[in-house]
Amino acid sequence: VGSSTVDRTMISATAILAVAHGATLSWSSFCDSPGYSVVWEDDFDGTELNQSAWSVDLGGNDSRVRDSQGTADNVYIEDGMLVLRTQREAVNGYEFTSGGVQTQGKNSWKGPARACVSAILPGIGGGNGIWPAHWMMPDDKSCWPSHGEIDIMEMVNGDGLLHSTYHWQPNGWCGDKPSPHPHISAEIEIGETWDNALHEYAVEYTPDHIHFALDGVVFETITTANMSSSDKDRAQFFPVPYYMILNTAVGGPWPKPVDPSTKLPTYHKIDYVRIAQPTAVSLE
């Protein structure tokens, strides 16, 4: 995959998509670009979550739910979308419950590949402490983050700002030592419709680069020439399969604490997840 992939994505013909709540968006899926074919997708068109593809997060105080308890009741299909609900509910000593799903051990994909998630994000009208995320982790039992972590989309406090980050550790090291571990982040305004209309959050990951894209347009490129945020390490990429995680965390080390202004329940809605890989057609 060369730079021509990015150029074709940037100039691809625009598709007009009618989406939820009567809103109309104008963008092409990053996974439908020339030179790529969708090899796996879930459009959530059934009545229940496909358990052969996804596992529901039932943990508490982990990286997927943070200061809340993950419950199966907060994960359901409605109107052709996967819904992850977050609410005030006392369970197992937690004040809040939330929802998350992952494909670990069931579906994972080695690059070069693109992962595309179309979603309506939670947190409007009072989002302090609400932390939705779409991210990918290596499905090879490696320690974090020795084989990388790809954060496709994170938003905190309902501020409408998309954060996309790539984390890694050189030399197979584990954990946050030496601290801080190398990472490169980018951010971009999503626009005023992030809470009531679908936007696509996507990544392309290959052995030599990562592209982050919003609504089919690349806004950040990371290559082996890029330095980490500490300017100590060049970016490294790993030839391993990655699995998908979709979740809404509550609290944690990054967002503000939940406070009386936080509007609950709140809903994280996912219309589709697609994985695309290069076709045999040359992109040159």
C-alpha atoms as a PDB file:
ATOM      1  CA  VAL A   1       0.000   0.000   0.000  1.00  0.00           C
ATOM      2  CA  GLY A   2       1.533   3.305  -1.060  1.00  0.00           C
ATOM      3  CA  SER A   3       0.735   6.968  -0.756  1.00  0.00           C
ATOM      4  CA  SER A   4      -1.576   6.712  -3.747  1.00  0.00           C
ATOM      5  CA  THR A   5      -4.102   5.043  -1.411  1.00  0.00           C
ATOM      6  CA  VAL A   6      -4.388   8.240   0.588  1.00  0.00           C
ATOM      7  CA  ASP A   7      -4.701  10.388  -2.515  1.00  0.00           C
ATOM      8  CA  ARG A   8      -7.537   8.286  -3.878  1.00  0.00           C
ATOM      9  CA  THR A   9      -9.320   8.401  -0.537  1.00  0.00           C
ATOM     10  CA  MET A  10      -9.078  12.172  -0.402  1.00  0.00           C
ATOM     11  CA  ILE A  11     -10.588  12.624  -3.872  1.00  0.00           C
ATOM     12  CA  SER A  12     -13.045   9.727  -3.887  1.00  0.00           C
ATOM     13  CA  ALA A  13     -16.571  10.379  -5.102  1.00  0.00           C
ATOM     14  CA  THR A  14     -18.901  11.446  -2.329  1.00  0.00           C
ATOM     15  CA  ALA A  15     -21.799   9.225  -1.295  1.00  0.00           C
ATOM     16  CA  ILE A  16     -24.955  10.740   0.135  1.00  0.00           C
ATOM     17  CA  LEU A  17     -26.100   8.704   3.094  1.00  0.00           C
ATOM     18  CA  ALA A  18     -29.426   9.055   4.894  1.00  0.00           C
ATOM     19  CA  VAL A  19     -28.834   8.348   8.574  1.00  0.00           C
ATOM     20  CA  ALA A  20     -30.594   8.199  11.905  1.00  0.00           C
ATOM     21  CA  HIS A  21     -32.755  11.024  13.222  1.00  0.00           C
ATOM     22  CA  GLY A  22     -33.422  12.227   9.700  1.00  0.00           C
ATOM     23  CA  ALA A  23     -29.957  13.742   9.319  1.00  0.00           C
ATOM     24  CA  THR A  24     -28.095  13.537   6.005  1.00  0.00           C
ATOM     25  CA  LEU A  25     -24.327  13.224   5.869  1.00  0.00           C
ATOM     26  CA  SER A  26     -22.058  13.450   2.868  1.00  0.00           C
ATOM     27  CA  TRP A  27     -19.070  11.105   2.965  1.00  0.00           C
ATOM     28  CA  SER A  28     -17.633   7.894   1.554  1.00  0.00           C
ATOM     29  CA  SER A  29     -16.603   4.990   3.753  1.00  0.00           C
ATOM     30  CA  PHE A  30     -12.853   4.694   4.157  1.00  0.00           C
ATOM     31  CA  CYS A  31     -13.331   0.935   3.756  1.00  0.00           C
ATOM     32  CA  ASP A  32     -14.936   1.359   0.325  1.00  0.00           C
ATOM     33  CA  SER A  33     -12.006   3.187  -1.274  1.00  0.00           C
ATOM     34  CA  PRO A  34     -10.442   1.982  -4.545  1.00  0.00           C
ATOM     35  CA  GLY A  35      -7.970  -0.827  -3.992  1.00  0.00           C
ATOM     36  CA  TYR A  36      -9.710  -2.147  -0.859  1.00  0.00           C
ATOM     37  CA  SER A  37     -12.403  -4.775  -0.385  1.00  0.00           C
ATOM     38  CA  VAL A  38     -14.496  -5.371   2.729  1.00  0.00           C
ATOM     39  CA  VAL A  39     -13.563  -8.779   4.160  1.00  0.00           C
ATOM     40  CA  TRP A  40     -15.617  -8.669   7.390  1.00  0.00           C
ATOM     41  CA  GLU A  41     -18.501  -6.542   8.620  1.00  0.00           C
ATOM     42  CA  ASP A  42     -21.300  -6.394  11.138  1.00  0.00           C
ATOM     43  CA  ASP A  43     -24.238  -4.124  10.310  1.00  0.00           C
ATOM     44  CA  PHE A  44     -26.165  -5.075  13.484  1.00  0.00           C
ATOM     45  CA  ASP A  45     -29.301  -5.769  11.462  1.00  0.00           C
ATOM     46  CA  GLY A  46     -30.504  -8.654  13.614  1.00  0.00           C
ATOM     47  CA  THR A  47     -32.370  -8.605  16.906  1.00  0.00           C
ATOM     48  CA  GLU A  48     -29.485  -9.726  19.121  1.00  0.00           C
ATOM     49  CA  LEU A  49     -25.717  -9.284  19.261  1.00  0.00           C
ATOM     50  CA  ASN A  50     -23.858 -11.914  17.238  1.00  0.00           C
ATOM     51  CA  GLN A  51     -22.168 -13.832  20.049  1.00  0.00           C
ATOM     52  CA  SER A  52     -19.953 -15.718  17.604  1.00  0.00           C
ATOM     53  CA  ALA A  53     -18.377 -12.408  16.593  1.00  0.00           C
ATOM     54  CA  TRP A  54     -18.463 -10.390  19.828  1.00  0.00           C
ATOM     55  CA  SER A  55     -17.995 -10.841  23.566  1.00  0.00           C
ATOM     56  CA  VAL A  56     -19.698  -8.513  26.065  1.00  0.00           C
ATOM     57  CA  ASP A  57     -17.458  -6.845  28.656  1.00  0.00           C
ATOM     58  CA  LEU A  58     -18.696  -7.806  32.129  1.00  0.00           C
ATOM     59  CA  GLY A  59     -15.774  -6.341  34.028  1.00  0.00           C
ATOM     60  CA  GLY A  60     -15.482  -3.483  36.475  1.00  0.00           C
ATOM     61  CA  ASN A  61     -12.751  -0.880  36.840  1.00  0.00           C
ATOM     62  CA  ASP A  62     -10.939  -2.033  33.709  1.00  0.00           C
ATOM     63  CA  SER A  63      -9.790  -0.024  30.690  1.00  0.00           C
ATOM     64  CA  ARG A  64     -13.144  -0.549  28.963  1.00  0.00           C
ATOM     65  CA  VAL A  65     -15.542   0.661  31.653  1.00  0.00           C
ATOM     66  CA  ARG A  66     -13.227   2.389  34.191  1.00  0.00           C
ATOM     67  CA  ASP A  67     -15.243   3.592  37.207  1.00  0.00           C
ATOM     68  CA  SER A  68     -18.322   1.548  36.324  1.00  0.00           C
ATOM     69  CA  GLN A  69     -19.548  -2.024  36.019  1.00  0.00           C
ATOM     70  CA  GLY A  70     -19.982  -3.548  32.583  1.00  0.00           C
ATOM     71  CA  THR A  71     -23.303  -5.359  32.240  1.00  0.00           C
ATOM     72  CA  ALA A  72     -24.994  -7.355  29.491  1.00  0.00           C
ATOM     73  CA  ASP A  73     -28.199  -5.326  29.907  1.00  0.00           C
ATOM     74  CA  ASN A  74     -26.368  -2.252  28.633  1.00  0.00           C
ATOM     75  CA  VAL A  75     -25.506  -3.939  25.318  1.00  0.00           C
ATOM     76  CA  TYR A  76     -28.366  -4.463  22.867  1.00  0.00           C
ATOM     77  CA  ILE A  77     -29.517  -4.085  19.262  1.00  0.00           C
ATOM     78  CA  GLU A  78     -32.145  -1.459  18.450  1.00  0.00           C
ATOM     79  CA  ASP A  79     -33.257  -0.029  15.096  1.00  0.00           C
ATOM     80  CA  GLY A  80     -30.363  -1.666  13.262  1.00  0.00           C
ATOM     81  CA  MET A  81     -27.689  -0.348  15.600  1.00  0.00           C
ATOM     82  CA  LEU A  82     -25.585  -1.707  18.423  1.00  0.00           C
ATOM     83  CA  VAL A  83     -26.378   0.352  21.530  1.00  0.00           C
ATOM     84  CA  LEU A  84     -23.976   0.732  24.466  1.00  0.00           C
ATOM     85  CA  ARG A  85     -25.862   2.370  27.321  1.00  0.00           C
ATOM     86  CA  THR A  86     -24.329   4.136  30.316  1.00  0.00           C
ATOM     87  CA  GLN A  87     -26.482   4.844  33.372  1.00  0.00           C
ATOM     88  CA  ARG A  88     -26.591   5.526  37.086  1.00  0.00           C
ATOM     89  CA  GLU A  89     -27.071   2.098  38.587  1.00  0.00           C
ATOM     90  CA  ALA A  90     -25.584   0.628  41.757  1.00  0.00           C
ATOM     91  CA  VAL A  91     -23.970  -2.741  40.959  1.00  0.00           C
ATOM     92  CA  ASN A  92     -21.113  -4.487  42.790  1.00  0.00           C
ATOM     93  CA  GLY A  93     -20.107  -1.329  44.605  1.00  0.00           C
ATOM     94  CA  TYR A  94     -20.116   0.853  41.513  1.00  0.00           C
ATOM     95  CA  GLU A  95     -22.416   3.855  41.112  1.00  0.00           C
ATOM     96  CA  PHE A  96     -22.587   3.494  37.330  1.00  0.00           C
ATOM     97  CA  THR A  97     -22.995   0.723  34.769  1.00  0.00           C
ATOM     98  CA  SER A  98     -21.956   0.791  31.119  1.00  0.00           C
ATOM     99  CA  GLY A  99     -21.493  -1.369  28.054  1.00  0.00           C
ATOM    100  CA  GLY A 100     -18.650  -2.644  25.915  1.00  0.00           C
ATOM    101  CA  VAL A 101     -17.949  -5.383  23.366  1.00  0.00           C
ATOM    102  CA  GLN A 102     -14.828  -6.881  21.795  1.00  0.00           C
ATOM    103  CA  THR A 103     -13.823  -9.456  19.189  1.00  0.00           C
ATOM    104  CA  GLN A 104     -10.793 -10.865  21.045  1.00  0.00           C
ATOM    105  CA  GLY A 105     -10.327 -14.563  20.346  1.00  0.00           C
ATOM    106  CA  LYS A 106     -13.147 -14.519  17.785  1.00  0.00           C
ATOM    107  CA  ASN A 107     -12.125 -12.110  15.016  1.00  0.00           C
ATOM    108  CA  SER A 108      -8.841 -10.303  14.437  1.00  0.00           C
ATOM    109  CA  TRP A 109      -7.107  -8.916  11.390  1.00  0.00           C
ATOM    110  CA  LYS A 110      -3.486  -8.519  10.379  1.00  0.00           C
ATOM    111  CA  GLY A 111      -2.451  -5.488   8.373  1.00  0.00           C
ATOM    112  CA  PRO A 112      -2.419  -4.106   5.816  1.00  0.00           C
ATOM    113  CA  ALA A 113      -6.033  -3.460   6.685  1.00  0.00           C
ATOM    114  CA  ARG A 114      -8.584  -0.752   7.326  1.00  0.00           C
ATOM    115  CA  ALA A 115     -11.052  -0.708  10.203  1.00  0.00           C
ATOM    116  CA  CYS A 116     -14.124   1.526   9.929  1.00  0.00           C
ATOM    117  CA  VAL A 117     -16.746   2.233  12.618  1.00  0.00           C
ATOM    118  CA  SER A 118     -19.833   4.335  11.923  1.00  0.00           C
ATOM    119  CA  ALA A 119     -21.296   5.696  15.149  1.00  0.00           C
ATOM    120  CA  ILE A 120     -23.290   8.291  17.062  1.00  0.00           C
ATOM    121  CA  LEU A 121     -21.382   9.231  20.198  1.00  0.00           C
ATOM    122  CA  PRO A 122     -22.694   9.727  23.752  1.00  0.00           C
ATOM    123  CA  GLY A 123     -22.296  12.680  26.087  1.00  0.00           C
ATOM    124  CA  ILE A 124     -24.434  15.474  24.662  1.00  0.00           C
ATOM    125  CA  GLY A 125     -25.982  18.012  27.036  1.00  0.00           C
ATOM    126  CA  GLY A 126     -23.635  17.174  29.889  1.00  0.00           C
ATOM    127  CA  GLY A 127     -20.861  14.694  29.221  1.00  0.00           C
ATOM    128  CA  ASN A 128     -18.420  15.119  32.085  1.00  0.00           C
ATOM    129  CA  GLY A 129     -16.881  11.731  32.825  1.00  0.00           C
ATOM    130  CA  ILE A 130     -18.175  10.029  29.655  1.00  0.00           C
ATOM    131  CA  TRP A 131     -15.438   8.414  27.546  1.00  0.00           C
ATOM    132  CA  PRO A 132     -16.530   6.531  24.373  1.00  0.00           C
ATOM    133  CA  ALA A 133     -13.837   4.675  22.435  1.00  0.00           C
ATOM    134  CA  HIS A 134     -13.245   2.496  19.373  1.00  0.00           C
ATOM    135  CA  TRP A 135      -9.834   0.838  19.588  1.00  0.00           C
ATOM    136  CA  MET A 136      -7.767  -2.180  18.594  1.00  0.00           C
ATOM    137  CA  MET A 137      -5.344  -4.401  20.492  1.00  0.00           C
ATOM    138  CA  PRO A 138      -3.030  -7.215  19.334  1.00  0.00           C
ATOM    139  CA  ASP A 139      -4.641 -10.664  19.531  1.00  0.00           C
ATOM    140  CA  ASP A 140      -1.364 -12.460  20.191  1.00  0.00           C
ATOM    141  CA  LYS A 141      -1.196 -12.496  24.019  1.00  0.00           C
ATOM    142  CA  SER A 142       1.637  -9.964  24.005  1.00  0.00           C
ATOM    143  CA  CYS A 143       2.032  -7.645  26.963  1.00  0.00           C
ATOM    144  CA  TRP A 144       0.787  -4.059  26.680  1.00  0.00           C
ATOM    145  CA  PRO A 145       1.884  -2.127  24.657  1.00  0.00           C
ATOM    146  CA  SER A 146       4.776  -4.127  23.213  1.00  0.00           C
ATOM    147  CA  HIS A 147       2.882  -4.853  19.976  1.00  0.00           C
ATOM    148  CA  GLY A 148       0.958  -1.601  19.827  1.00  0.00           C
ATOM    149  CA  GLU A 149      -2.449  -0.175  20.671  1.00  0.00           C
ATOM    150  CA  ILE A 150      -4.505   1.620  18.013  1.00  0.00           C
ATOM    151  CA  ASP A 151      -7.003   4.124  19.411  1.00  0.00           C
ATOM    152  CA  ILE A 152      -9.215   4.923  16.439  1.00  0.00           C
ATOM    153  CA  MET A 153     -11.622   7.190  18.306  1.00  0.00           C
ATOM    154  CA  GLU A 154     -11.733   8.605  21.804  1.00  0.00           C
ATOM    155  CA  MET A 155     -13.763  11.552  23.030  1.00  0.00           C
ATOM    156  CA  VAL A 156     -14.080  12.811  26.591  1.00  0.00           C
ATOM    157  CA  ASN A 157     -16.579  14.988  28.418  1.00  0.00           C
ATOM    158  CA  GLY A 158     -18.827  15.390  25.371  1.00  0.00           C
ATOM    159  CA  ASP A 159     -16.537  18.043  23.902  1.00  0.00           C
ATOM    160  CA  GLY A 160     -16.853  16.960  20.234  1.00  0.00           C
ATOM    161  CA  LEU A 161     -13.081  16.544  19.850  1.00  0.00           C
ATOM    162  CA  LEU A 162     -11.843  13.334  18.212  1.00  0.00           C
ATOM    163  CA  HIS A 163      -8.581  11.940  19.604  1.00  0.00           C
ATOM    164  CA  SER A 164      -6.720   9.229  17.663  1.00  0.00           C
ATOM    165  CA  THR A 165      -3.562   7.708  19.124  1.00  0.00           C
ATOM    166  CA  TYR A 166      -1.005   5.020  18.396  1.00  0.00           C
ATOM    167  CA  HIS A 167       0.862   3.508  21.383  1.00  0.00           C
ATOM    168  CA  TRP A 168       3.833   1.122  21.360  1.00  0.00           C
ATOM    169  CA  GLN A 169       6.918   0.019  23.280  1.00  0.00           C
ATOM    170  CA  PRO A 170      10.269  -0.606  21.589  1.00  0.00           C
ATOM    171  CA  ASN A 171      12.322  -3.741  22.199  1.00  0.00           C
ATOM    172  CA  GLY A 172       9.339  -5.777  23.391  1.00  0.00           C
ATOM    173  CA  TRP A 173       9.131  -3.900  26.678  1.00  0.00           C
ATOM    174  CA  CYS A 174       5.962  -4.133  28.735  1.00  0.00           C
ATOM    175  CA  GLY A 175       3.997  -1.535  30.654  1.00  0.00           C
ATOM    176  CA  ASP A 176       4.741   2.146  30.984  1.00  0.00           C
ATOM    177  CA  LYS A 177       8.442   1.797  31.746  1.00  0.00           C
ATOM    178  CA  PRO A 178      10.524   3.463  30.593  1.00  0.00           C
ATOM    179  CA  SER A 179       7.913   6.139  31.194  1.00  0.00           C
ATOM    180  CA  PRO A 180       6.130   7.531  29.378  1.00  0.00           C
ATOM    181  CA  HIS A 181       5.717   4.800  26.810  1.00  0.00           C
ATOM    182  CA  PRO A 182       6.037   6.071  23.207  1.00  0.00           C
ATOM    183  CA  HIS A 183       2.829   7.284  21.571  1.00  0.00           C
ATOM    184  CA  ILE A 184       1.681   9.706  18.886  1.00  0.00           C
ATOM    185  CA  SER A 185      -1.679  11.476  19.072  1.00  0.00           C
ATOM    186  CA  ALA A 186      -3.783  13.628  16.770  1.00  0.00           C
ATOM    187  CA  GLU A 187      -7.033  15.478  17.361  1.00  0.00           C
ATOM    188  CA  ILE A 188      -9.691  17.067  15.180  1.00  0.00           C
ATOM    189  CA  GLU A 189     -13.111  18.619  15.657  1.00  0.00           C
ATOM    190  CA  ILE A 190     -15.828  16.155  14.667  1.00  0.00           C
ATOM    191  CA  GLY A 191     -18.483  18.782  13.990  1.00  0.00           C
ATOM    192  CA  GLU A 192     -21.754  19.727  15.592  1.00  0.00           C
ATOM    193  CA  THR A 193     -23.599  16.531  14.608  1.00  0.00           C
ATOM    194  CA  TRP A 194     -21.500  13.944  16.463  1.00  0.00           C
ATOM    195  CA  ASP A 195     -24.328  13.297  18.940  1.00  0.00           C
ATOM    196  CA  ASN A 196     -27.268  12.914  16.522  1.00  0.00           C
ATOM    197  CA  ALA A 197     -25.851  11.764  13.175  1.00  0.00           C
ATOM    198  CA  LEU A 198     -23.482   9.057  12.043  1.00  0.00           C
ATOM    199  CA  HIS A 199     -19.803   9.742  11.474  1.00  0.00           C
ATOM    200  CA  GLU A 200     -17.208   7.199  10.425  1.00  0.00           C
ATOM    201  CA  TYR A 201     -14.059   6.798  12.505  1.00  0.00           C
ATOM    202  CA  ALA A 202     -11.402   4.748  10.746  1.00  0.00           C
ATOM    203  CA  VAL A 203      -7.792   3.634  10.611  1.00  0.00           C
ATOM    204  CA  GLU A 204      -5.483   2.056   8.061  1.00  0.00           C
ATOM    205  CA  TYR A 205      -2.658   0.049   9.615  1.00  0.00           C
ATOM    206  CA  THR A 206       0.227  -1.488   7.653  1.00  0.00           C
ATOM    207  CA  PRO A 207       3.803  -2.626   8.347  1.00  0.00           C
ATOM    208  CA  ASP A 208       5.089   0.892   7.675  1.00  0.00           C
ATOM    209  CA  HIS A 209       2.355   3.424   8.443  1.00  0.00           C
ATOM    210  CA  ILE A 210      -0.935   4.272  10.085  1.00  0.00           C
ATOM    211  CA  HIS A 211      -3.583   6.628   8.667  1.00  0.00           C
ATOM    212  CA  PHE A 212      -6.402   7.949  10.840  1.00  0.00           C
ATOM    213  CA  ALA A 213      -9.513   9.105   8.966  1.00  0.00           C
ATOM    214  CA  LEU A 214     -12.767  10.901   9.783  1.00  0.00           C
ATOM    215  CA  ASP A 215     -15.681  10.479   7.360  1.00  0.00           C
ATOM    216  CA  GLY A 216     -13.416   8.995   4.699  1.00  0.00           C
ATOM    217  CA  VAL A 217     -10.747  11.705   4.818  1.00  0.00           C
ATOM    218  CA  VAL A 218      -7.284  11.092   6.282  1.00  0.00           C
ATOM    219  CA  PHE A 219      -6.353  13.687   8.910  1.00  0.00           C
ATOM    220  CA  GLU A 220      -3.213  12.096  10.403  1.00  0.00           C
ATOM    221  CA  THR A 221      -0.408   9.891   9.056  1.00  0.00           C
ATOM    222  CA  ILE A 222       2.173   8.124  11.216  1.00  0.00           C
ATOM    223  CA  THR A 223       5.237   6.496   9.657  1.00  0.00           C
ATOM    224  CA  THR A 224       8.510   5.074  10.927  1.00  0.00           C
ATOM    225  CA  ALA A 225       9.956   8.561  10.453  1.00  0.00           C
ATOM    226  CA  ASN A 226       7.643  10.038  13.095  1.00  0.00           C
ATOM    227  CA  MET A 227       8.930  10.520  16.621  1.00  0.00           C
ATOM    228  CA  SER A 228       6.966   9.779  19.774  1.00  0.00           C
ATOM    229  CA  SER A 229       5.469  12.542  21.907  1.00  0.00           C
ATOM    230  CA  SER A 230       8.642  12.484  24.020  1.00  0.00           C
ATOM    231  CA  ASP A 231      10.861  12.756  20.893  1.00  0.00           C
ATOM    232  CA  LYS A 232      12.807   9.684  22.022  1.00  0.00           C
ATOM    233  CA  ASP A 233      11.553   6.871  19.804  1.00  0.00           C
ATOM    234  CA  ARG A 234      10.616   6.430  16.167  1.00  0.00           C
ATOM    235  CA  ALA A 235       7.267   4.789  15.534  1.00  0.00           C
ATOM    236  CA  GLN A 236       7.331   1.004  15.242  1.00  0.00           C
ATOM    237  CA  PHE A 237       4.664  -1.234  13.700  1.00  0.00           C
ATOM    238  CA  PHE A 238       4.079  -4.924  14.242  1.00  0.00           C
ATOM    239  CA  PRO A 239       2.935  -7.756  11.896  1.00  0.00           C
ATOM    240  CA  VAL A 240       0.288  -9.128  14.259  1.00  0.00           C
ATOM    241  CA  PRO A 241      -3.524  -9.397  14.100  1.00  0.00           C
ATOM    242  CA  TYR A 242      -5.588  -6.807  15.976  1.00  0.00           C
ATOM    243  CA  TYR A 243      -9.054  -7.219  17.480  1.00  0.00           C
ATOM    244  CA  MET A 244     -11.751  -4.549  17.852  1.00  0.00           C
ATOM    245  CA  ILE A 245     -13.088  -3.008  21.083  1.00  0.00           C
ATOM    246  CA  LEU A 246     -16.149  -0.718  21.287  1.00  0.00           C
ATOM    247  CA  ASN A 247     -17.011   0.749  24.678  1.00  0.00           C
ATOM    248  CA  THR A 248     -18.063   3.678  26.813  1.00  0.00           C
ATOM    249  CA  ALA A 249     -15.973   4.189  29.949  1.00  0.00           C
ATOM    250  CA  VAL A 250     -17.011   6.307  32.928  1.00  0.00           C
ATOM    251  CA  GLY A 251     -14.446   8.444  34.724  1.00  0.00           C
ATOM    252  CA  GLY A 252     -10.875   7.229  34.803  1.00  0.00           C
ATOM    253  CA  PRO A 253      -7.597   9.117  34.541  1.00  0.00           C
ATOM    254  CA  TRP A 254      -8.455  11.327  31.554  1.00  0.00           C
ATOM    255  CA  PRO A 255     -12.012  12.750  31.663  1.00  0.00           C
ATOM    256  CA  LYS A 256     -13.413  15.011  34.314  1.00  0.00           C
ATOM    257  CA  PRO A 257     -15.273  13.240  37.130  1.00  0.00           C
ATOM    258  CA  VAL A 258     -18.952  12.564  36.687  1.00  0.00           C
ATOM    259  CA  ASP A 259     -20.831  15.435  38.338  1.00  0.00           C
ATOM    260  CA  PRO A 260     -24.444  16.617  38.717  1.00  0.00           C
ATOM    261  CA  SER A 261     -24.309  18.131  35.210  1.00  0.00           C
ATOM    262  CA  THR A 262     -23.601  14.730  33.593  1.00  0.00           C
ATOM    263  CA  LYS A 263     -26.682  13.622  31.664  1.00  0.00           C
ATOM    264  CA  LEU A 264     -27.504   9.957  32.201  1.00  0.00           C
ATOM    265  CA  PRO A 265     -28.484   7.597  30.756  1.00  0.00           C
ATOM    266  CA  THR A 266     -26.483   8.248  27.621  1.00  0.00           C
ATOM    267  CA  TYR A 267     -26.234   6.104  24.498  1.00  0.00           C
ATOM    268  CA  HIS A 268     -23.344   5.121  22.227  1.00  0.00           C
ATOM    269  CA  LYS A 269     -24.805   3.835  18.939  1.00  0.00           C
ATOM    270  CA  ILE A 270     -22.829   1.911  16.320  1.00  0.00           C
ATOM    271  CA  ASP A 271     -24.289   1.420  12.838  1.00  0.00           C
ATOM    272  CA  TYR A 272     -21.546  -0.807  11.439  1.00  0.00           C
ATOM    273  CA  VAL A 273     -18.037  -2.136  11.827  1.00  0.00           C
ATOM    274  CA  ARG A 274     -16.143  -2.971   8.644  1.00  0.00           C
ATOM    275  CA  ILE A 275     -12.721  -4.436   7.976  1.00  0.00           C
ATOM    276  CA  ALA A 276     -11.188  -3.998   4.525  1.00  0.00           C
ATOM    277  CA  GLN A 277      -7.983  -5.313   3.040  1.00  0.00           C
ATOM    278  CA  PRO A 278      -6.158  -4.567  -0.220  1.00  0.00           C
ATOM    279  CA  THR A 279      -7.449  -6.251  -3.344  1.00  0.00           C
ATOM    280  CA  ALA A 280      -5.211  -7.833  -5.961  1.00  0.00           C
ATOM    281  CA  VAL A 281      -5.625  -4.683  -8.100  1.00  0.00           C
ATOM    282  CA  SER A 282      -2.458  -2.595  -8.144  1.00  0.00           C
ATOM    283  CA  LEU A 283      -2.723   0.830  -6.544  1.00  0.00           C
ATOM    284  CA  GLU A 284       0.219   2.234  -8.465  1.00  0.00           C
END
